[in-house]
C-alpha cells in the first residue's frame, strides 16, 4: 500500500493540473497556486 495506494492521488493530479493549464482554467499567473492546491486537496501534502 505504501507504493500502490500512496501513488493514486499523485497519479490523478498530474494530468488534472495540466488539463487546467491547457484549457486556460489555470492561467500562467496561477501555475504554482493550482499545483499547491491540488497537492493539498488530493494528496494531503
ModelCIF file with pLDDT and N, C-alpha, C, O atoms, coordinates in Angstrom:
data_MODEL
#
_entry.id   MODEL 
#
_entity.id                         1 
_entity.type                       polymer 
_entity.pdbx_number_of_molecules   1 
#
_entity_poly.entity_id                      1 
_entity_poly.type                           'polypeptide(L)' 
_entity_poly.nstd_linkage                   no 
_entity_poly.nstd_monomer                   no 
_entity_poly.pdbx_seq_one_letter_code       
;(UNK)(UNK)(UNK)(UNK)(UNK)(UNK)(UNK)(UNK)(UNK)(UNK)(UNK)(UNK)(UNK)(UNK)(UNK)(UNK)
(UNK)(UNK)(UNK)(UNK)(UNK)(UNK)(UNK)(UNK)(UNK)(UNK)(UNK)(UNK)(UNK)(UNK)(UNK)(UNK)
(UNK)(UNK)(UNK)(UNK)(UNK)(UNK)(UNK)(UNK)(UNK)(UNK)(UNK)(UNK)(UNK)
;
_entity_poly.pdbx_seq_one_letter_code_can   XXXXXXXXXXXXXXXXXXXXXXXXXXXXXXXXXXXXXXXXXXXXX 
_entity_poly.pdbx_strand_id                 A 
#
loop_
_entity_poly_seq.entity_id 
_entity_poly_seq.num 
_entity_poly_seq.mon_id 
_entity_poly_seq.hetero 
1 1  UNK n 
1 2  UNK n 
1 3  UNK n 
1 4  UNK n 
1 5  UNK n 
1 6  UNK n 
1 7  UNK n 
1 8  UNK n 
1 9  UNK n 
1 10 UNK n 
1 11 UNK n 
1 12 UNK n 
1 13 UNK n 
1 14 UNK n 
1 15 UNK n 
1 16 UNK n 
1 17 UNK n 
1 18 UNK n 
1 19 UNK n 
1 20 UNK n 
1 21 UNK n 
1 22 UNK n 
1 23 UNK n 
1 24 UNK n 
1 25 UNK n 
1 26 UNK n 
1 27 UNK n 
1 28 UNK n 
1 29 UNK n 
1 30 UNK n 
1 31 UNK n 
1 32 UNK n 
1 33 UNK n 
1 34 UNK n 
1 35 UNK n 
1 36 UNK n 
1 37 UNK n 
1 38 UNK n 
1 39 UNK n 
1 40 UNK n 
1 41 UNK n 
1 42 UNK n 
1 43 UNK n 
1 44 UNK n 
1 45 UNK n 
#
_struct_asym.id          A 
_struct_asym.entity_id   1 
#
loop_
_ma_qa_metric.id 
_ma_qa_metric.mode 
_ma_qa_metric.name 
_ma_qa_metric.software_group_id 
_ma_qa_metric.type 
1 global pLDDT . pLDDT 
2 local  pLDDT . pLDDT 
#
_ma_qa_metric_global.metric_id      1 
_ma_qa_metric_global.metric_value   97.33 
_ma_qa_metric_global.model_id       1 
_ma_qa_metric_global.ordinal_id     1 
#
loop_
_ma_qa_metric_local.label_asym_id 
_ma_qa_metric_local.label_comp_id 
_ma_qa_metric_local.label_seq_id 
_ma_qa_metric_local.metric_id 
_ma_qa_metric_local.metric_value 
_ma_qa_metric_local.model_id 
_ma_qa_metric_local.ordinal_id 
A UNK 1  2 96.00 1 1  
A UNK 2  2 96.00 1 2  
A UNK 3  2 92.00 1 3  
A UNK 4  2 95.00 1 4  
A UNK 5  2 98.00 1 5  
A UNK 6  2 98.00 1 6  
A UNK 7  2 97.00 1 7  
A UNK 8  2 98.00 1 8  
A UNK 9  2 98.00 1 9  
A UNK 10 2 98.00 1 10 
A UNK 11 2 97.00 1 11 
A UNK 12 2 97.00 1 12 
A UNK 13 2 97.00 1 13 
A UNK 14 2 97.00 1 14 
A UNK 15 2 97.00 1 15 
A UNK 16 2 98.00 1 16 
A UNK 17 2 98.00 1 17 
A UNK 18 2 98.00 1 18 
A UNK 19 2 98.00 1 19 
A UNK 20 2 98.00 1 20 
A UNK 21 2 98.00 1 21 
A UNK 22 2 98.00 1 22 
A UNK 23 2 98.00 1 23 
A UNK 24 2 97.00 1 24 
A UNK 25 2 98.00 1 25 
A UNK 26 2 98.00 1 26 
A UNK 27 2 97.00 1 27 
A UNK 28 2 96.00 1 28 
A UNK 29 2 96.00 1 29 
A UNK 30 2 97.00 1 30 
A UNK 31 2 97.00 1 31 
A UNK 32 2 97.00 1 32 
A UNK 33 2 97.00 1 33 
A UNK 34 2 98.00 1 34 
A UNK 35 2 98.00 1 35 
A UNK 36 2 97.00 1 36 
A UNK 37 2 98.00 1 37 
A UNK 38 2 98.00 1 38 
A UNK 39 2 98.00 1 39 
A UNK 40 2 98.00 1 40 
A UNK 41 2 98.00 1 41 
A UNK 42 2 98.00 1 42 
A UNK 43 2 98.00 1 43 
A UNK 44 2 98.00 1 44 
A UNK 45 2 98.00 1 45 
#
loop_
_atom_site.group_PDB 
_atom_site.id 
_atom_site.type_symbol 
_atom_site.label_atom_id 
_atom_site.label_alt_id 
_atom_site.label_comp_id 
_atom_site.label_asym_id 
_atom_site.label_entity_id 
_atom_site.label_seq_id 
_atom_site.pdbx_PDB_ins_code 
_atom_site.Cartn_x 
_atom_site.Cartn_y 
_atom_site.Cartn_z 
_atom_site.occupancy 
_atom_site.B_iso_or_equiv 
_atom_site.pdbx_formal_charge 
_atom_site.auth_seq_id 
_atom_site.auth_comp_id 
_atom_site.auth_asym_id 
_atom_site.auth_atom_id 
_atom_site.pdbx_PDB_model_num 
ATOM 1   N N  . UNK A 1 1  ? 0.819  -1.213 0.000   1.00 96.00 ? 1  UNK A N  1 
ATOM 2   C CA . UNK A 1 1  ? 0.000  0.000  0.000   1.00 96.00 ? 1  UNK A CA 1 
ATOM 3   C C  . UNK A 1 1  ? 0.852  1.262  0.000   1.00 96.00 ? 1  UNK A C  1 
ATOM 4   O O  . UNK A 1 1  ? 0.457  2.275  -0.576  1.00 96.00 ? 1  UNK A O  1 
ATOM 5   N N  . UNK A 1 2  ? 2.015  1.212  0.639   1.00 96.00 ? 2  UNK A N  1 
ATOM 6   C CA . UNK A 1 2  ? 2.867  2.392  0.706   1.00 96.00 ? 2  UNK A CA 1 
ATOM 7   C C  . UNK A 1 2  ? 3.319  2.839  -0.680  1.00 96.00 ? 2  UNK A C  1 
ATOM 8   O O  . UNK A 1 2  ? 3.709  3.992  -0.861  1.00 96.00 ? 2  UNK A O  1 
ATOM 9   N N  . UNK A 1 3  ? 3.270  1.951  -1.645  1.00 92.00 ? 3  UNK A N  1 
ATOM 10  C CA . UNK A 1 3  ? 3.574  2.337  -3.026  1.00 92.00 ? 3  UNK A CA 1 
ATOM 11  C C  . UNK A 1 3  ? 2.310  2.428  -3.869  1.00 92.00 ? 3  UNK A C  1 
ATOM 12  O O  . UNK A 1 3  ? 2.048  3.461  -4.485  1.00 92.00 ? 3  UNK A O  1 
ATOM 13  N N  . UNK A 1 4  ? 1.529  1.361  -3.899  1.00 95.00 ? 4  UNK A N  1 
ATOM 14  C CA . UNK A 1 4  ? 0.408  1.295  -4.834  1.00 95.00 ? 4  UNK A CA 1 
ATOM 15  C C  . UNK A 1 4  ? -0.744 2.215  -4.443  1.00 95.00 ? 4  UNK A C  1 
ATOM 16  O O  . UNK A 1 4  ? -1.333 2.854  -5.314  1.00 95.00 ? 4  UNK A O  1 
ATOM 17  N N  . UNK A 1 5  ? -1.074 2.298  -3.183  1.00 98.00 ? 5  UNK A N  1 
ATOM 18  C CA . UNK A 1 5  ? -2.175 3.163  -2.736  1.00 98.00 ? 5  UNK A CA 1 
ATOM 19  C C  . UNK A 1 5  ? -1.697 4.605  -2.629  1.00 98.00 ? 5  UNK A C  1 
ATOM 20  O O  . UNK A 1 5  ? -2.396 5.525  -3.054  1.00 98.00 ? 5  UNK A O  1 
ATOM 21  N N  . UNK A 1 6  ? -0.517 4.806  -2.067  1.00 98.00 ? 6  UNK A N  1 
ATOM 22  C CA . UNK A 1 6  ? 0.001  6.165  -1.899  1.00 98.00 ? 6  UNK A CA 1 
ATOM 23  C C  . UNK A 1 6  ? 0.129  6.891  -3.234  1.00 98.00 ? 6  UNK A C  1 
ATOM 24  O O  . UNK A 1 6  ? 0.029  8.116  -3.288  1.00 98.00 ? 6  UNK A O  1 
ATOM 25  N N  . UNK A 1 7  ? 0.349  6.140  -4.309  1.00 97.00 ? 7  UNK A N  1 
ATOM 26  C CA . UNK A 1 7  ? 0.545  6.749  -5.629  1.00 97.00 ? 7  UNK A CA 1 
ATOM 27  C C  . UNK A 1 7  ? -0.732 7.346  -6.215  1.00 97.00 ? 7  UNK A C  1 
ATOM 28  O O  . UNK A 1 7  ? -0.659 8.275  -7.019  1.00 97.00 ? 7  UNK A O  1 
ATOM 29  N N  . UNK A 1 8  ? -1.885 6.838  -5.835  1.00 98.00 ? 8  UNK A N  1 
ATOM 30  C CA . UNK A 1 8  ? -3.132 7.152  -6.538  1.00 98.00 ? 8  UNK A CA 1 
ATOM 31  C C  . UNK A 1 8  ? -3.424 8.648  -6.690  1.00 98.00 ? 8  UNK A C  1 
ATOM 32  O O  . UNK A 1 8  ? -3.667 9.091  -7.813  1.00 98.00 ? 8  UNK A O  1 
ATOM 33  N N  . UNK A 1 9  ? -3.411 9.442  -5.626  1.00 98.00 ? 9  UNK A N  1 
ATOM 34  C CA . UNK A 1 9  ? -3.749 10.860 -5.821  1.00 98.00 ? 9  UNK A CA 1 
ATOM 35  C C  . UNK A 1 9  ? -2.727 11.604 -6.671  1.00 98.00 ? 9  UNK A C  1 
ATOM 36  O O  . UNK A 1 9  ? -3.083 12.513 -7.421  1.00 98.00 ? 9  UNK A O  1 
ATOM 37  N N  . UNK A 1 10 ? -1.454 11.221 -6.554  1.00 98.00 ? 10 UNK A N  1 
ATOM 38  C CA . UNK A 1 10 ? -0.445 11.857 -7.405  1.00 98.00 ? 10 UNK A CA 1 
ATOM 39  C C  . UNK A 1 10 ? -0.685 11.493 -8.861  1.00 98.00 ? 10 UNK A C  1 
ATOM 40  O O  . UNK A 1 10 ? -0.581 12.347 -9.742  1.00 98.00 ? 10 UNK A O  1 
ATOM 41  N N  . UNK A 1 11 ? -1.006 10.231 -9.119  1.00 97.00 ? 11 UNK A N  1 
ATOM 42  C CA . UNK A 1 11 ? -1.295 9.793  -10.476 1.00 97.00 ? 11 UNK A CA 1 
ATOM 43  C C  . UNK A 1 11 ? -2.478 10.523 -11.078 1.00 97.00 ? 11 UNK A C  1 
ATOM 44  O O  . UNK A 1 11 ? -2.556 10.690 -12.295 1.00 97.00 ? 11 UNK A O  1 
ATOM 45  N N  . UNK A 1 12 ? -3.400 10.960 -10.234 1.00 97.00 ? 12 UNK A N  1 
ATOM 46  C CA . UNK A 1 12 ? -4.578 11.689 -10.695 1.00 97.00 ? 12 UNK A CA 1 
ATOM 47  C C  . UNK A 1 12 ? -4.280 13.168 -10.927 1.00 97.00 ? 12 UNK A C  1 
ATOM 48  O O  . UNK A 1 12 ? -4.690 13.729 -11.943 1.00 97.00 ? 12 UNK A O  1 
ATOM 49  N N  . UNK A 1 13 ? -3.579 13.796 -10.006 1.00 97.00 ? 13 UNK A N  1 
ATOM 50  C CA . UNK A 1 13 ? -3.446 15.260 -10.061 1.00 97.00 ? 13 UNK A CA 1 
ATOM 51  C C  . UNK A 1 13 ? -2.456 15.751 -11.112 1.00 97.00 ? 13 UNK A C  1 
ATOM 52  O O  . UNK A 1 13 ? -2.534 16.898 -11.551 1.00 97.00 ? 13 UNK A O  1 
ATOM 53  N N  . UNK A 1 14 ? -1.526 14.888 -11.518 1.00 97.00 ? 14 UNK A N  1 
ATOM 54  C CA . UNK A 1 14 ? -0.550 15.314 -12.536 1.00 97.00 ? 14 UNK A CA 1 
ATOM 55  C C  . UNK A 1 14 ? -1.259 15.837 -13.794 1.00 97.00 ? 14 UNK A C  1 
ATOM 56  O O  . UNK A 1 14 ? -0.960 16.928 -14.280 1.00 97.00 ? 14 UNK A O  1 
ATOM 57  N N  . UNK A 1 15 ? -2.197 15.042 -14.308 1.00 97.00 ? 15 UNK A N  1 
ATOM 58  C CA . UNK A 1 15 ? -2.890 15.488 -15.513 1.00 97.00 ? 15 UNK A CA 1 
ATOM 59  C C  . UNK A 1 15 ? -4.018 16.449 -15.193 1.00 97.00 ? 15 UNK A C  1 
ATOM 60  O O  . UNK A 1 15 ? -4.370 17.269 -16.041 1.00 97.00 ? 15 UNK A O  1 
ATOM 61  N N  . UNK A 1 16 ? -4.597 16.380 -14.009 1.00 98.00 ? 16 UNK A N  1 
ATOM 62  C CA . UNK A 1 16 ? -5.600 17.386 -13.647 1.00 98.00 ? 16 UNK A CA 1 
ATOM 63  C C  . UNK A 1 16 ? -4.991 18.781 -13.700 1.00 98.00 ? 16 UNK A C  1 
ATOM 64  O O  . UNK A 1 16 ? -5.628 19.728 -14.162 1.00 98.00 ? 16 UNK A O  1 
ATOM 65  N N  . UNK A 1 17 ? -3.759 18.900 -13.227 1.00 98.00 ? 17 UNK A N  1 
ATOM 66  C CA . UNK A 1 17 ? -3.088 20.202 -13.290 1.00 98.00 ? 17 UNK A CA 1 
ATOM 67  C C  . UNK A 1 17 ? -2.908 20.616 -14.754 1.00 98.00 ? 17 UNK A C  1 
ATOM 68  O O  . UNK A 1 17 ? -3.189 21.758 -15.118 1.00 98.00 ? 17 UNK A O  1 
ATOM 69  N N  . UNK A 1 18 ? -2.442 19.690 -15.587 1.00 98.00 ? 18 UNK A N  1 
ATOM 70  C CA . UNK A 1 18 ? -2.195 20.045 -16.995 1.00 98.00 ? 18 UNK A CA 1 
ATOM 71  C C  . UNK A 1 18 ? -3.498 20.297 -17.742 1.00 98.00 ? 18 UNK A C  1 
ATOM 72  O O  . UNK A 1 18 ? -3.548 21.176 -18.602 1.00 98.00 ? 18 UNK A O  1 
ATOM 73  N N  . UNK A 1 19 ? -4.538 19.557 -17.437 1.00 98.00 ? 19 UNK A N  1 
ATOM 74  C CA . UNK A 1 19 ? -5.821 19.815 -18.096 1.00 98.00 ? 19 UNK A CA 1 
ATOM 75  C C  . UNK A 1 19 ? -6.272 21.247 -17.821 1.00 98.00 ? 19 UNK A C  1 
ATOM 76  O O  . UNK A 1 19 ? -6.766 21.929 -18.718 1.00 98.00 ? 19 UNK A O  1 
ATOM 77  N N  . UNK A 1 20 ? -6.103 21.697 -16.584 1.00 98.00 ? 20 UNK A N  1 
ATOM 78  C CA . UNK A 1 20 ? -6.474 23.061 -16.240 1.00 98.00 ? 20 UNK A CA 1 
ATOM 79  C C  . UNK A 1 20 ? -5.600 24.086 -16.943 1.00 98.00 ? 20 UNK A C  1 
ATOM 80  O O  . UNK A 1 20 ? -6.081 25.136 -17.369 1.00 98.00 ? 20 UNK A O  1 
ATOM 81  N N  . UNK A 1 21 ? -4.312 23.777 -17.063 1.00 98.00 ? 21 UNK A N  1 
ATOM 82  C CA . UNK A 1 21 ? -3.384 24.684 -17.744 1.00 98.00 ? 21 UNK A CA 1 
ATOM 83  C C  . UNK A 1 21 ? -3.729 24.779 -19.229 1.00 98.00 ? 21 UNK A C  1 
ATOM 84  O O  . UNK A 1 21 ? -3.817 25.878 -19.777 1.00 98.00 ? 21 UNK A O  1 
ATOM 85  N N  . UNK A 1 22 ? -3.922 23.640 -19.876 1.00 98.00 ? 22 UNK A N  1 
ATOM 86  C CA . UNK A 1 22 ? -4.213 23.639 -21.310 1.00 98.00 ? 22 UNK A CA 1 
ATOM 87  C C  . UNK A 1 22 ? -5.562 24.288 -21.627 1.00 98.00 ? 22 UNK A C  1 
ATOM 88  O O  . UNK A 1 22 ? -5.707 24.947 -22.656 1.00 98.00 ? 22 UNK A O  1 
ATOM 89  N N  . UNK A 1 23 ? -6.540 24.104 -20.751 1.00 98.00 ? 23 UNK A N  1 
ATOM 90  C CA . UNK A 1 23 ? -7.869 24.662 -21.011 1.00 98.00 ? 23 UNK A CA 1 
ATOM 91  C C  . UNK A 1 23 ? -7.929 26.162 -20.750 1.00 98.00 ? 23 UNK A C  1 
ATOM 92  O O  . UNK A 1 23 ? -8.864 26.828 -21.195 1.00 98.00 ? 23 UNK A O  1 
ATOM 93  N N  . UNK A 1 24 ? -6.943 26.702 -20.035 1.00 97.00 ? 24 UNK A N  1 
ATOM 94  C CA . UNK A 1 24 ? -6.956 28.114 -19.670 1.00 97.00 ? 24 UNK A CA 1 
ATOM 95  C C  . UNK A 1 24 ? -7.601 28.365 -18.316 1.00 97.00 ? 24 UNK A C  1 
ATOM 96  O O  . UNK A 1 24 ? -7.573 29.488 -17.814 1.00 97.00 ? 24 UNK A O  1 
ATOM 97  N N  . UNK A 1 25 ? -8.180 27.333 -17.723 1.00 98.00 ? 25 UNK A N  1 
ATOM 98  C CA . UNK A 1 25 ? -8.763 27.496 -16.383 1.00 98.00 ? 25 UNK A CA 1 
ATOM 99  C C  . UNK A 1 25 ? -7.694 27.897 -15.382 1.00 98.00 ? 25 UNK A C  1 
ATOM 100 O O  . UNK A 1 25 ? -7.963 28.616 -14.420 1.00 98.00 ? 25 UNK A O  1 
ATOM 101 N N  . UNK A 1 26 ? -6.465 27.418 -15.625 1.00 98.00 ? 26 UNK A N  1 
ATOM 102 C CA . UNK A 1 26 ? -5.321 27.807 -14.799 1.00 98.00 ? 26 UNK A CA 1 
ATOM 103 C C  . UNK A 1 26 ? -4.390 28.664 -15.639 1.00 98.00 ? 26 UNK A C  1 
ATOM 104 O O  . UNK A 1 26 ? -3.618 28.115 -16.425 1.00 98.00 ? 26 UNK A O  1 
ATOM 105 N N  . UNK A 1 27 ? -4.427 29.974 -15.511 1.00 97.00 ? 27 UNK A N  1 
ATOM 106 C CA . UNK A 1 27 ? -3.523 30.836 -16.282 1.00 97.00 ? 27 UNK A CA 1 
ATOM 107 C C  . UNK A 1 27 ? -2.098 30.737 -15.751 1.00 97.00 ? 27 UNK A C  1 
ATOM 108 O O  . UNK A 1 27 ? -1.870 30.253 -14.643 1.00 97.00 ? 27 UNK A O  1 
ATOM 109 N N  . UNK A 1 28 ? -1.157 31.194 -16.540 1.00 96.00 ? 28 UNK A N  1 
ATOM 110 C CA . UNK A 1 28 ? 0.249  31.122 -16.150 1.00 96.00 ? 28 UNK A CA 1 
ATOM 111 C C  . UNK A 1 28 ? 0.512  31.827 -14.827 1.00 96.00 ? 28 UNK A C  1 
ATOM 112 O O  . UNK A 1 28 ? 1.431  31.458 -14.096 1.00 96.00 ? 28 UNK A O  1 
ATOM 113 N N  . UNK A 1 29 ? -0.277 32.824 -14.524 1.00 96.00 ? 29 UNK A N  1 
ATOM 114 C CA . UNK A 1 29 ? -0.085 33.576 -13.281 1.00 96.00 ? 29 UNK A CA 1 
ATOM 115 C C  . UNK A 1 29 ? -0.485 32.774 -12.041 1.00 96.00 ? 29 UNK A C  1 
ATOM 116 O O  . UNK A 1 29 ? -0.241 33.207 -10.915 1.00 96.00 ? 29 UNK A O  1 
ATOM 117 N N  . UNK A 1 30 ? -1.108 31.590 -12.250 1.00 97.00 ? 30 UNK A N  1 
ATOM 118 C CA . UNK A 1 30 ? -1.547 30.775 -11.114 1.00 97.00 ? 30 UNK A CA 1 
ATOM 119 C C  . UNK A 1 30 ? -1.025 29.340 -11.180 1.00 97.00 ? 30 UNK A C  1 
ATOM 120 O O  . UNK A 1 30 ? -1.579 28.446 -10.540 1.00 97.00 ? 30 UNK A O  1 
ATOM 121 N N  . UNK A 1 31 ? 0.032  29.123 -11.947 1.00 97.00 ? 31 UNK A N  1 
ATOM 122 C CA . UNK A 1 31 ? 0.589  27.775 -12.057 1.00 97.00 ? 31 UNK A CA 1 
ATOM 123 C C  . UNK A 1 31 ? 0.905  27.175 -10.680 1.00 97.00 ? 31 UNK A C  1 
ATOM 124 O O  . UNK A 1 31 ? 0.485  26.060 -10.372 1.00 97.00 ? 31 UNK A O  1 
ATOM 125 N N  . UNK A 1 32 ? 1.637  27.912 -9.869  1.00 97.00 ? 32 UNK A N  1 
ATOM 126 C CA . UNK A 1 32 ? 2.066  27.389 -8.567  1.00 97.00 ? 32 UNK A CA 1 
ATOM 127 C C  . UNK A 1 32 ? 0.889  27.197 -7.619  1.00 97.00 ? 32 UNK A C  1 
ATOM 128 O O  . UNK A 1 32 ? 0.813  26.193 -6.911  1.00 97.00 ? 32 UNK A O  1 
ATOM 129 N N  . UNK A 1 33 ? -0.022 28.153 -7.608  1.00 97.00 ? 33 UNK A N  1 
ATOM 130 C CA . UNK A 1 33 ? -1.179 28.043 -6.720  1.00 97.00 ? 33 UNK A CA 1 
ATOM 131 C C  . UNK A 1 33 ? -2.004 26.807 -7.065  1.00 97.00 ? 33 UNK A C  1 
ATOM 132 O O  . UNK A 1 33 ? -2.424 26.064 -6.177  1.00 97.00 ? 33 UNK A O  1 
ATOM 133 N N  . UNK A 1 34 ? -2.234 26.590 -8.369  1.00 98.00 ? 34 UNK A N  1 
ATOM 134 C CA . UNK A 1 34 ? -3.036 25.445 -8.782  1.00 98.00 ? 34 UNK A CA 1 
ATOM 135 C C  . UNK A 1 34 ? -2.349 24.136 -8.393  1.00 98.00 ? 34 UNK A C  1 
ATOM 136 O O  . UNK A 1 34 ? -3.007 23.201 -7.938  1.00 98.00 ? 34 UNK A O  1 
ATOM 137 N N  . UNK A 1 35 ? -1.028 24.066 -8.569  1.00 98.00 ? 35 UNK A N  1 
ATOM 138 C CA . UNK A 1 35 ? -0.274 22.862 -8.214  1.00 98.00 ? 35 UNK A CA 1 
ATOM 139 C C  . UNK A 1 35 ? -0.328 22.605 -6.713  1.00 98.00 ? 35 UNK A C  1 
ATOM 140 O O  . UNK A 1 35 ? -0.589 21.487 -6.269  1.00 98.00 ? 35 UNK A O  1 
ATOM 141 N N  . UNK A 1 36 ? -0.079 23.652 -5.943  1.00 97.00 ? 36 UNK A N  1 
ATOM 142 C CA . UNK A 1 36 ? -0.095 23.520 -4.485  1.00 97.00 ? 36 UNK A CA 1 
ATOM 143 C C  . UNK A 1 36 ? -1.480 23.132 -3.982  1.00 97.00 ? 36 UNK A C  1 
ATOM 144 O O  . UNK A 1 36 ? -1.609 22.304 -3.081  1.00 97.00 ? 36 UNK A O  1 
ATOM 145 N N  . UNK A 1 37 ? -2.510 23.729 -4.565  1.00 98.00 ? 37 UNK A N  1 
ATOM 146 C CA . UNK A 1 37 ? -3.886 23.418 -4.154  1.00 98.00 ? 37 UNK A CA 1 
ATOM 147 C C  . UNK A 1 37 ? -4.246 21.968 -4.452  1.00 98.00 ? 37 UNK A C  1 
ATOM 148 O O  . UNK A 1 37 ? -4.872 21.300 -3.629  1.00 98.00 ? 37 UNK A O  1 
ATOM 149 N N  . UNK A 1 38 ? -3.853 21.480 -5.630  1.00 98.00 ? 38 UNK A N  1 
ATOM 150 C CA . UNK A 1 38 ? -4.153 20.099 -5.987  1.00 98.00 ? 38 UNK A CA 1 
ATOM 151 C C  . UNK A 1 38 ? -3.399 19.116 -5.102  1.00 98.00 ? 38 UNK A C  1 
ATOM 152 O O  . UNK A 1 38 ? -3.945 18.087 -4.703  1.00 98.00 ? 38 UNK A O  1 
ATOM 153 N N  . UNK A 1 39 ? -2.146 19.434 -4.796  1.00 98.00 ? 39 UNK A N  1 
ATOM 154 C CA . UNK A 1 39 ? -1.364 18.559 -3.918  1.00 98.00 ? 39 UNK A CA 1 
ATOM 155 C C  . UNK A 1 39 ? -2.013 18.475 -2.535  1.00 98.00 ? 39 UNK A C  1 
ATOM 156 O O  . UNK A 1 39 ? -2.077 17.405 -1.929  1.00 98.00 ? 39 UNK A O  1 
ATOM 157 N N  . UNK A 1 40 ? -2.480 19.592 -2.060  1.00 98.00 ? 40 UNK A N  1 
ATOM 158 C CA . UNK A 1 40 ? -3.133 19.592 -0.753  1.00 98.00 ? 40 UNK A CA 1 
ATOM 159 C C  . UNK A 1 40 ? -4.472 18.870 -0.814  1.00 98.00 ? 40 UNK A C  1 
ATOM 160 O O  . UNK A 1 40 ? -4.776 18.050 0.052   1.00 98.00 ? 40 UNK A O  1 
ATOM 161 N N  . UNK A 1 41 ? -5.270 19.170 -1.828  1.00 98.00 ? 41 UNK A N  1 
ATOM 162 C CA . UNK A 1 41 ? -6.603 18.585 -1.923  1.00 98.00 ? 41 UNK A CA 1 
ATOM 163 C C  . UNK A 1 41 ? -6.575 17.072 -2.071  1.00 98.00 ? 41 UNK A C  1 
ATOM 164 O O  . UNK A 1 41 ? -7.312 16.364 -1.384  1.00 98.00 ? 41 UNK A O  1 
ATOM 165 N N  . UNK A 1 42 ? -5.724 16.572 -2.970  1.00 98.00 ? 42 UNK A N  1 
ATOM 166 C CA . UNK A 1 42 ? -5.746 15.134 -3.260  1.00 98.00 ? 42 UNK A CA 1 
ATOM 167 C C  . UNK A 1 42 ? -4.749 14.330 -2.421  1.00 98.00 ? 42 UNK A C  1 
ATOM 168 O O  . UNK A 1 42 ? -5.094 13.262 -1.916  1.00 98.00 ? 42 UNK A O  1 
ATOM 169 N N  . UNK A 1 43 ? -3.532 14.824 -2.267  1.00 98.00 ? 43 UNK A N  1 
ATOM 170 C CA . UNK A 1 43 ? -2.523 14.068 -1.535  1.00 98.00 ? 43 UNK A CA 1 
ATOM 171 C C  . UNK A 1 43 ? -2.488 14.375 -0.051  1.00 98.00 ? 43 UNK A C  1 
ATOM 172 O O  . UNK A 1 43 ? -2.074 13.538 0.752   1.00 98.00 ? 43 UNK A O  1 
ATOM 173 N N  . UNK A 1 44 ? -2.921 15.572 0.317   1.00 98.00 ? 44 UNK A N  1 
ATOM 174 C CA . UNK A 1 44 ? -2.772 15.954 1.715   1.00 98.00 ? 44 UNK A CA 1 
ATOM 175 C C  . UNK A 1 44 ? -1.322 16.158 2.088   1.00 98.00 ? 44 UNK A C  1 
ATOM 176 O O  . UNK A 1 44 ? -0.912 15.826 3.200   1.00 98.00 ? 44 UNK A O  1 
ATOM 177 N N  . UNK A 1 45 ? -0.528 16.711 1.153   1.00 98.00 ? 45 UNK A N  1 
ATOM 178 C CA . UNK A 1 45 ? 0.875  17.009 1.431   1.00 98.00 ? 45 UNK A CA 1 
ATOM 179 C C  . UNK A 1 45 ? 1.152  18.477 1.133   1.00 98.00 ? 45 UNK A C  1 
ATOM 180 O O  . UNK A 1 45 ? 2.281  18.939 1.301   1.00 98.00 ? 45 UNK A O  1 
#
